[in-house]
Amino acid sequence: MNEMNNEVQIINYDPQYKEAFKALNEEWIKTFFRMEAGDYKLLENPEEHIIDKGGYIVFALLNNEPVGTCALVKLSDEPLKFELSKMAVSPKAQGKKIGYLVGQALVDKARELKAESIFLETNSVLVPAIRLYEKLGFKHMPVSDSAYARCDTQMLLELKD
């Protein structure tokens, strides 16, 4: 998963970027909402709660600086299902299609693993993010229980034909 888009490089998780994962996400969450327990859990221990459980995290590097990130959190093994989570792009790097690049890299990873679907939760005020998810192929679904108070929109990408 090493793709180039002009000067943007998409890389897999590396422990040296653990703080960037947290900082990028805190920055955008605090811009629109407030941090919740579920945010702290994933952001403070990404190896334990995402990587070690069969999930993936990617970063977008711009001139070797992490400016975007996104996680694929494993929800179940049989059938294999993931949640697209913790997508964040630094304001200084917006407009470079970084959200699309990290999202597409993880959709491609889920397809490669023969996952059945990818689920995500967001908020309706995040119109550009919702458009991005629609562009990646996600469809709106009825909202059911969420761990996040800010969640009022749920989407699903079916990967099985």
Protein backbone atom coordinates (compact mmCIF):
# COMPACT_ATOMS: atom_id res chain seq x y z
CA MET A 1 0.00 0.00 0.00
CA ASN A 2 2.49 2.61 -1.14
CA GLU A 3 0.75 5.04 -3.47
CA MET A 4 1.86 8.43 -4.65
CA ASN A 5 -0.38 11.35 -5.56
CA ASN A 6 1.90 14.25 -6.45
CA GLU A 7 3.78 14.70 -3.19
CA VAL A 8 1.38 12.66 -1.04
CA GLN A 9 2.47 9.17 0.04
CA ILE A 10 0.08 6.64 1.65
CA ILE A 11 1.79 4.34 4.16
CA ASN A 12 0.74 1.67 6.65
CA TYR A 13 0.79 2.30 10.39
CA ASP A 14 4.16 2.68 12.04
CA PRO A 15 4.54 3.25 15.80
CA GLN A 16 6.49 6.45 15.13
CA TYR A 17 3.19 7.98 13.94
CA LYS A 18 1.13 6.98 17.00
CA GLU A 19 1.05 10.56 18.33
CA ALA A 20 0.15 11.91 14.89
CA PHE A 21 -2.84 9.53 14.78
CA LYS A 22 -4.08 11.03 18.04
CA ALA A 23 -3.20 14.65 17.23
CA LEU A 24 -4.82 14.67 13.77
CA ASN A 25 -8.04 13.16 15.11
CA GLU A 26 -8.24 15.35 18.20
CA GLU A 27 -7.76 18.42 16.03
CA TRP A 28 -10.74 17.71 13.78
CA ILE A 29 -13.01 16.24 16.48
CA LYS A 30 -12.53 19.29 18.72
CA THR A 31 -13.24 21.57 15.75
CA PHE A 32 -16.79 20.22 15.38
CA PHE A 33 -17.62 18.19 18.50
CA ARG A 34 -16.17 17.10 21.82
CA MET A 35 -13.94 14.13 22.52
CA GLU A 36 -15.80 11.07 23.84
CA ALA A 37 -14.69 7.94 25.72
CA GLY A 38 -14.56 5.89 22.50
CA ASP A 39 -12.24 8.47 20.93
CA TYR A 40 -9.77 8.34 23.79
CA LYS A 41 -9.80 4.53 23.81
CA LEU A 42 -8.84 4.20 20.13
CA LEU A 43 -6.57 7.25 19.90
CA GLU A 44 -4.48 6.55 22.98
CA ASN A 45 -3.98 2.84 22.28
CA PRO A 46 -4.25 2.26 18.51
CA GLU A 47 -2.03 -0.82 18.53
CA GLU A 48 -4.06 -2.53 21.27
CA HIS A 49 -7.54 -1.57 20.05
CA ILE A 50 -7.06 -1.55 16.26
CA ILE A 51 -3.85 -3.16 14.95
CA ASP A 52 -3.61 -6.11 17.39
CA LYS A 53 -7.28 -6.97 16.75
CA GLY A 54 -6.78 -7.37 13.01
CA GLY A 55 -7.37 -3.77 11.95
CA TYR A 56 -5.32 -1.35 9.90
CA ILE A 57 -4.28 2.29 10.05
CA VAL A 58 -2.88 4.28 7.15
CA PHE A 59 -1.27 7.70 7.02
CA ALA A 60 -0.91 10.26 4.28
CA LEU A 61 2.54 11.82 4.35
CA LEU A 62 3.14 15.17 2.71
CA ASN A 63 6.87 15.88 2.47
CA ASN A 64 7.35 13.09 5.04
CA GLU A 65 4.96 14.74 7.53
CA PRO A 66 1.76 12.89 8.55
CA VAL A 67 -1.14 15.10 7.43
CA GLY A 68 -3.94 12.54 7.20
CA THR A 69 -4.97 9.22 8.67
CA CYS A 70 -7.77 6.67 8.77
CA ALA A 71 -8.40 3.34 10.48
CA LEU A 72 -10.09 0.10 9.50
CA VAL A 73 -11.38 -1.47 12.73
CA LYS A 74 -12.27 -5.17 12.58
CA LEU A 75 -15.85 -5.79 13.74
CA SER A 76 -16.13 -9.54 13.07
CA ASP A 77 -14.28 -12.47 11.50
CA GLU A 78 -17.11 -14.58 10.07
CA PRO A 79 -18.22 -12.83 8.02
CA LEU A 80 -15.29 -10.42 7.90
CA LYS A 81 -16.61 -6.91 8.57
CA PHE A 82 -14.80 -3.65 9.29
CA GLU A 83 -15.59 -0.14 10.42
CA LEU A 84 -13.98 2.82 8.67
CA SER A 85 -13.01 5.04 11.58
CA LYS A 86 -10.91 7.96 12.70
CA MET A 87 -10.45 9.64 9.33
CA ALA A 88 -8.73 12.98 9.82
CA VAL A 89 -6.89 15.41 7.56
CA SER A 90 -4.88 18.37 8.80
CA PRO A 91 -6.45 21.70 7.77
CA LYS A 92 -3.14 22.67 6.14
CA ALA A 93 -3.42 19.67 3.78
CA GLN A 94 -7.09 19.86 2.86
CA GLY A 95 -7.93 20.10 -0.83
CA LYS A 96 -5.30 17.52 -1.83
CA LYS A 97 -7.76 14.58 -1.87
CA ILE A 98 -6.04 13.07 1.17
CA GLY A 99 -9.31 11.87 2.73
CA TYR A 100 -10.14 10.06 -0.49
CA LEU A 101 -6.66 8.53 -0.73
CA VAL A 102 -6.61 7.14 2.82
CA GLY A 103 -10.23 5.99 2.53
CA GLN A 104 -9.64 4.27 -0.82
CA ALA A 105 -6.48 2.59 0.49
CA LEU A 106 -8.50 1.01 3.31
CA VAL A 107 -11.44 0.06 1.07
CA ASP A 108 -8.89 -1.65 -1.21
CA LYS A 109 -7.38 -3.43 1.82
CA ALA A 110 -10.81 -4.70 2.94
CA ARG A 111 -11.49 -5.96 -0.61
CA GLU A 112 -8.10 -7.69 -0.70
CA LEU A 113 -9.00 -9.44 2.58
CA LYS A 114 -12.36 -10.52 1.08
CA ALA A 115 -14.35 -8.56 3.66
CA GLU A 116 -18.13 -8.61 3.34
CA SER A 117 -18.68 -4.96 4.24
CA ILE A 118 -17.39 -1.75 5.77
CA PHE A 119 -19.57 0.29 8.12
CA LEU A 120 -19.03 3.88 9.23
CA GLU A 121 -20.54 6.46 11.54
CA THR A 122 -20.48 10.22 11.03
CA ASN A 123 -22.52 13.36 11.55
CA SER A 124 -24.76 15.08 9.02
CA VAL A 125 -23.01 18.45 9.53
CA LEU A 126 -19.89 16.95 7.90
CA VAL A 127 -21.23 17.32 4.36
CA PRO A 128 -17.82 17.12 2.60
CA ALA A 129 -17.03 13.89 4.51
CA ILE A 130 -20.39 12.37 3.59
CA ARG A 131 -19.82 13.24 -0.08
CA LEU A 132 -16.40 11.59 0.16
CA TYR A 133 -17.91 8.42 1.64
CA GLU A 134 -20.55 8.36 -1.10
CA LYS A 135 -17.78 8.72 -3.69
CA LEU A 136 -16.07 5.70 -2.09
CA GLY A 137 -19.32 3.75 -2.60
CA PHE A 138 -20.90 3.92 0.86
CA LYS A 139 -24.71 3.98 1.06
CA HIS A 140 -26.84 5.54 3.79
CA MET A 141 -28.55 3.14 6.18
CA PRO A 142 -30.98 3.54 9.09
CA VAL A 143 -29.20 4.74 12.22
CA SER A 144 -29.07 2.24 15.06
CA ASP A 145 -27.12 2.17 18.31
CA SER A 146 -23.88 4.12 18.31
CA ALA A 147 -21.17 4.48 20.90
CA TYR A 148 -20.90 8.16 19.95
CA ALA A 149 -23.34 10.89 20.96
CA ARG A 150 -22.38 12.88 17.84
CA CYS A 151 -23.37 10.08 15.43
CA ASP A 152 -26.54 10.79 13.45
CA THR A 153 -25.49 9.18 10.16
CA GLN A 154 -24.45 5.61 9.44
CA MET A 155 -23.31 4.24 6.09
CA LEU A 156 -22.41 0.84 4.68
CA LEU A 157 -20.25 -0.33 1.80
CA GLU A 158 -21.14 -3.87 0.65
CA LEU A 159 -18.07 -5.56 -0.81
CA LYS A 160 -19.52 -8.94 -1.78
CA ASP A 161 -21.05 -9.24 -5.22
